[in-house]
Structures are given as structure tokens and as C-alpha cells.
Protein backbone atom coordinates (compact mmCIF):
# COMPACT_ATOMS: atom_id res chain seq x y z
CA UNK A 1 -6.40 -42.27 11.37
CA UNK A 2 -3.28 -40.47 13.20
CA UNK A 3 -1.22 -38.00 10.96
CA UNK A 4 1.91 -38.38 9.50
CA UNK A 5 4.72 -36.44 10.31
CA UNK A 6 4.97 -34.91 7.19
CA UNK A 7 1.27 -34.18 7.26
CA UNK A 8 1.86 -32.39 10.67
CA UNK A 9 4.78 -30.61 9.27
CA UNK A 10 2.75 -29.31 6.20
CA UNK A 11 -0.02 -28.17 8.64
CA UNK A 12 1.80 -26.38 10.78
CA UNK A 13 3.88 -24.57 8.18
CA UNK A 14 0.65 -24.10 6.39
CA UNK A 15 -0.28 -21.82 9.74
CA UNK A 16 2.71 -20.39 9.86
CA UNK A 17 2.49 -18.89 6.35
CA UNK A 18 -1.01 -18.08 6.82
CA UNK A 19 -0.59 -15.84 10.27
CA UNK A 20 2.46 -14.42 8.54
CA UNK A 21 0.43 -13.21 5.48
CA UNK A 22 -2.54 -12.07 7.79
CA UNK A 23 0.08 -10.05 9.92
CA UNK A 24 1.78 -8.61 7.01
CA UNK A 25 -1.34 -7.68 5.41
CA UNK A 26 -2.95 -6.61 9.12
CA UNK A 27 0.29 -4.69 10.77
CA UNK A 28 3.20 -4.32 8.14
CA UNK A 29 6.29 -6.16 7.72
CA UNK A 30 8.28 -4.05 10.23
CA UNK A 31 5.64 -5.16 13.11
CA UNK A 32 5.45 -8.95 11.96
CA UNK A 33 7.60 -10.31 14.17
CA UNK A 34 8.50 -14.36 14.72
CA UNK A 35 6.91 -13.68 18.26
CA UNK A 36 3.35 -11.82 16.78
CA UNK A 37 3.38 -14.53 13.51
CA UNK A 38 3.56 -17.42 15.99
CA UNK A 39 1.42 -16.37 18.60
CA UNK A 40 -1.52 -16.13 15.49
CA UNK A 41 -0.37 -19.27 14.07
CA UNK A 42 -1.21 -20.98 17.92
CA UNK A 43 2.64 -22.15 17.53
CA UNK A 44 5.61 -21.68 19.65
CA UNK A 45 8.68 -19.75 18.21
CA UNK A 46 10.62 -22.28 18.74
CA UNK A 47 8.32 -24.28 15.72
CA UNK A 48 8.78 -21.56 13.43
CA UNK A 49 13.05 -21.87 13.87
CA UNK A 50 12.72 -26.08 13.29
CA UNK A 51 10.75 -25.43 10.00
CA UNK A 52 12.87 -22.20 8.83
CA UNK A 53 16.47 -21.60 9.70
CA UNK A 54 16.24 -18.04 9.68
CA UNK A 55 13.45 -15.35 9.27
CA UNK A 56 14.82 -14.62 5.67
CA UNK A 57 14.30 -18.23 4.82
CA UNK A 58 10.63 -17.78 6.45
CA UNK A 59 9.93 -14.43 4.30
CA UNK A 60 10.97 -16.00 1.33
CA UNK A 61 8.33 -19.04 1.86
CA UNK A 62 5.82 -16.04 2.77
CA UNK A 63 6.62 -14.19 -0.77
CA UNK A 64 6.39 -17.72 -2.36
CA UNK A 65 3.04 -18.93 -0.94
CA UNK A 66 1.80 -15.44 -1.89
CA UNK A 67 3.12 -15.42 -5.56
CA UNK A 68 1.78 -18.89 -6.05
CA UNK A 69 -1.62 -18.14 -5.04
CA UNK A 70 -1.58 -15.08 -7.41
CA UNK A 71 -0.71 -17.59 -10.22
CA UNK A 72 -3.20 -19.92 -8.96
CA UNK A 73 -6.18 -17.14 -8.84
CA UNK A 74 -4.93 -15.77 -12.11
CA UNK A 75 -5.12 -18.91 -14.25
CA UNK A 76 -8.58 -19.58 -12.71
CA UNK A 77 -9.78 -16.26 -14.03
CA UNK A 78 -7.92 -16.33 -17.17
CA UNK A 79 -9.55 -19.51 -17.77
CA UNK A 80 -13.45 -18.03 -17.12
CA UNK A 81 -12.89 -14.96 -19.72
CA UNK A 82 -16.10 -15.34 -21.52
CA UNK A 83 -15.51 -15.98 -25.06
CA UNK A 84 -17.25 -13.15 -26.20
CA UNK A 85 -15.42 -10.54 -23.91
CA UNK A 86 -12.44 -8.71 -25.34
CA UNK A 87 -9.09 -10.66 -23.85
CA UNK A 88 -7.11 -7.20 -23.40
CA UNK A 89 -9.85 -5.49 -21.31
CA UNK A 90 -10.38 -9.12 -19.37
CA UNK A 91 -6.61 -9.49 -18.61
CA UNK A 92 -6.01 -6.02 -17.51
CA UNK A 93 -9.13 -6.62 -15.22
CA UNK A 94 -7.87 -9.62 -13.79
CA UNK A 95 -4.24 -7.88 -13.41
CA UNK A 96 -5.82 -4.81 -11.52
CA UNK A 97 -7.74 -7.19 -9.42
CA UNK A 98 -4.86 -9.22 -8.28
CA UNK A 99 -2.26 -6.38 -7.92
CA UNK A 100 -5.02 -4.11 -5.82
CA UNK A 101 -5.68 -6.85 -3.65
CA UNK A 102 -4.98 -7.15 0.08
CA UNK A 103 -2.86 -10.22 -0.61
CA UNK A 104 -0.46 -8.36 -2.87
CA UNK A 105 0.38 -5.64 0.14
CA UNK A 106 2.78 -8.30 1.44
CA UNK A 107 4.59 -8.35 -1.73
CA UNK A 108 4.77 -4.53 -1.32
CA UNK A 109 5.78 -4.73 2.26
CA UNK A 110 8.52 -7.28 1.53
CA UNK A 111 9.90 -5.18 -1.76
CA UNK A 112 10.14 -2.16 0.28
CA UNK A 113 11.97 -3.82 3.20
CA UNK A 114 14.27 -5.41 0.87
CA UNK A 115 15.39 -1.76 -0.69
CA UNK A 116 17.71 -1.64 2.61
CA UNK A 117 17.72 -5.33 3.72
CA UNK A 118 20.27 -7.17 1.27
CA UNK A 119 19.78 -10.43 2.52
CA UNK A 120 16.10 -9.83 1.78
CA UNK A 121 16.74 -8.24 -1.22
CA UNK A 122 18.33 -11.57 -2.62
CA UNK A 123 15.26 -13.78 -1.70
CA UNK A 124 12.86 -11.17 -3.10
CA UNK A 125 14.73 -11.18 -6.54
CA UNK A 126 14.98 -14.77 -6.41
CA UNK A 127 11.06 -15.17 -5.77
CA UNK A 128 10.12 -11.99 -8.26
CA UNK A 129 12.41 -13.59 -10.98
CA UNK A 130 10.33 -16.93 -10.96
CA UNK A 131 7.10 -15.19 -10.59
CA UNK A 132 8.00 -13.02 -13.72
CA UNK A 133 8.48 -16.06 -15.97
CA UNK A 134 5.61 -17.47 -14.68
CA UNK A 135 3.42 -14.42 -15.56
CA UNK A 136 5.43 -14.14 -18.84
CA UNK A 137 3.80 -17.63 -19.79
CA UNK A 138 0.32 -16.75 -18.64
CA UNK A 139 0.55 -13.65 -20.56
CA UNK A 140 1.82 -15.27 -23.84
CA UNK A 141 -0.94 -18.22 -23.51
CA UNK A 142 -3.50 -15.57 -23.67
CA UNK A 143 -5.30 -15.44 -26.98
CA UNK A 144 -4.19 -12.76 -29.14
CA UNK A 145 -0.71 -12.34 -27.51
CA UNK A 146 0.57 -14.20 -30.60
CA UNK A 147 0.37 -10.89 -32.38
CA UNK A 148 2.91 -8.89 -30.29
CA UNK A 149 6.51 -9.23 -31.15
CA UNK A 150 9.02 -11.26 -29.17
CA UNK A 151 11.17 -8.80 -28.36
CA UNK A 152 8.44 -6.12 -27.25
CA UNK A 153 5.98 -8.48 -25.37
CA UNK A 154 8.42 -8.90 -22.07
CA UNK A 155 8.18 -5.06 -22.06
CA UNK A 156 4.58 -5.11 -22.49
CA UNK A 157 3.73 -7.47 -19.65
CA UNK A 158 6.42 -5.85 -17.45
CA UNK A 159 5.15 -2.44 -17.93
CA UNK A 160 1.62 -3.37 -17.49
CA UNK A 161 2.53 -5.08 -14.30
CA UNK A 162 4.32 -2.01 -12.95
CA UNK A 163 1.55 0.44 -13.74
CA UNK A 164 -0.94 -1.80 -11.49
CA UNK A 165 1.44 -2.25 -8.79
CA UNK A 166 2.49 1.38 -8.77
CA UNK A 167 -1.29 2.45 -8.63
CA UNK A 168 -2.32 0.03 -6.42
CA UNK A 169 0.69 1.53 -3.66
CA UNK A 170 0.17 5.17 -4.30
CA UNK A 171 -3.90 4.95 -4.50
CA UNK A 172 -3.72 3.47 -0.84
CA UNK A 173 -2.63 6.73 0.08
CA UNK A 174 -3.99 9.07 -2.40
CA UNK A 175 -6.93 7.62 -4.03
CA UNK A 176 -7.66 9.49 -7.85
CA UNK A 177 -10.70 7.79 -8.69
CA UNK A 178 -10.84 10.16 -11.97
CA UNK A 179 -7.67 8.64 -12.90
CA UNK A 180 -8.32 5.18 -12.19
CA UNK A 181 -11.94 5.37 -14.24
CA UNK A 182 -9.68 6.28 -17.46
CA UNK A 183 -7.03 3.64 -16.91
CA UNK A 184 -8.37 0.50 -18.43
CA UNK A 185 -9.23 2.52 -21.45
CA UNK A 186 -5.99 4.31 -22.02
CA UNK A 187 -4.06 0.86 -21.33
CA UNK A 188 -6.37 -0.95 -23.89
CA UNK A 189 -5.62 1.79 -26.37
CA UNK A 190 -1.86 1.45 -25.76
CA UNK A 191 -1.93 -2.09 -26.55
CA UNK A 192 -3.70 -2.06 -29.47
CA UNK A 193 -1.44 0.64 -30.83
CA UNK A 194 1.62 -1.67 -29.72
CA UNK A 195 0.47 -4.34 -32.58
CA UNK A 196 2.44 -4.36 -35.46
CA UNK A 197 -0.26 -3.80 -37.67
CA UNK A 198 -1.92 -1.14 -35.71
CA UNK A 199 -0.90 1.92 -38.59
CA UNK A 200 0.68 5.08 -37.65
């Protein structure tokens, strides 16, 4: 059966996004040109710009796809947490796995580039703001999250995310296994201490 125009478009866009993600992981954002990405995708540069008006729009779609995959993976892993496993430790392990994986390197590359690229910064602000809401909603749905006050919970979620994001970037260059080995224990203790009934 012949594919529809929409199916062909979706396939081409999917190949372009996969190629963009793989290219940024492999050679970094700075070397991920339209020519390199489209060659990897097996399409022409013209095909890219038929679907995306600018490279900024294409990078926005790349970021959006990475973040979509993160939410999908995180949701699946949270649903698979065994009933007898403490939720804080399990949730922290999931966050660590997602932030330290090669896929998240795409987001780090785009965020670093956005520091000095105003258009990309606007794109990343929009994508990351939407992602932050989804992360917060996912965290709020975890068993035990209701015990944290509404005013401090967003701060806790952001701090934990930033810890793992920072570790993923720094430890790629300067691995410190002695610190990494203690991270979960310390963060779990901090989470417990943040509960209103944790005591002095």
C-alpha cells in the first residue's frame, strides 16, 4: 500500500531528528551542520528546510524529541518501581540514569550553545519550561510526594535535577567515583530531612 504524504513527511522528519540526535551525541552541536545531519539521515539539505524553516526551528524540534523520550522513559521506569523498593531511592536512580545517558548530552550541548546564541536560548527556554512542568507533574505523582509542602516541592525537584545534570557534565570530564558512590545516600538523607515531620 502506498504511503500518504503525511506518512512520508513523518518518516523524513523522524529520520532527520534521529540523525540530529546521533550527530550531536557523536560530534557535538558545533559540528552538527545541516550537511552532516542530512547526509546521516540520507536526505537532502533541501528536504530539511522543507520541513523546518530555520536550523533554530530544527534544533527546537531536536530538543523537544529528546525531552519527549526522557518523559516516556521516566514514566515507564517509575511505573516499574517494585512495591517493596523505597520510592526516593528508586526515583533518584531513575533521574541519575536519564541525566547521565548519552541522549541527555544533546540537551547539555544545546544549553551551552544557547548561552551565547540568543535565538537558540529562546528556543531552549521554551522547550525546557515545558519539560520542567512535566517533570514536576511526574514527581508529584510519586508515592510519598504528597508529604512535601507545595511551596518547597518545586525547589526540591529543581535542586535534584540540577545536581544530576551538573554531575553528568562534570564527571564526563573529571570522573570522581568516590563522590558518585556516596551521592544517593546523601541525597536520600537530604530528602528525608526536608520532610516537615523529619524533626531537628
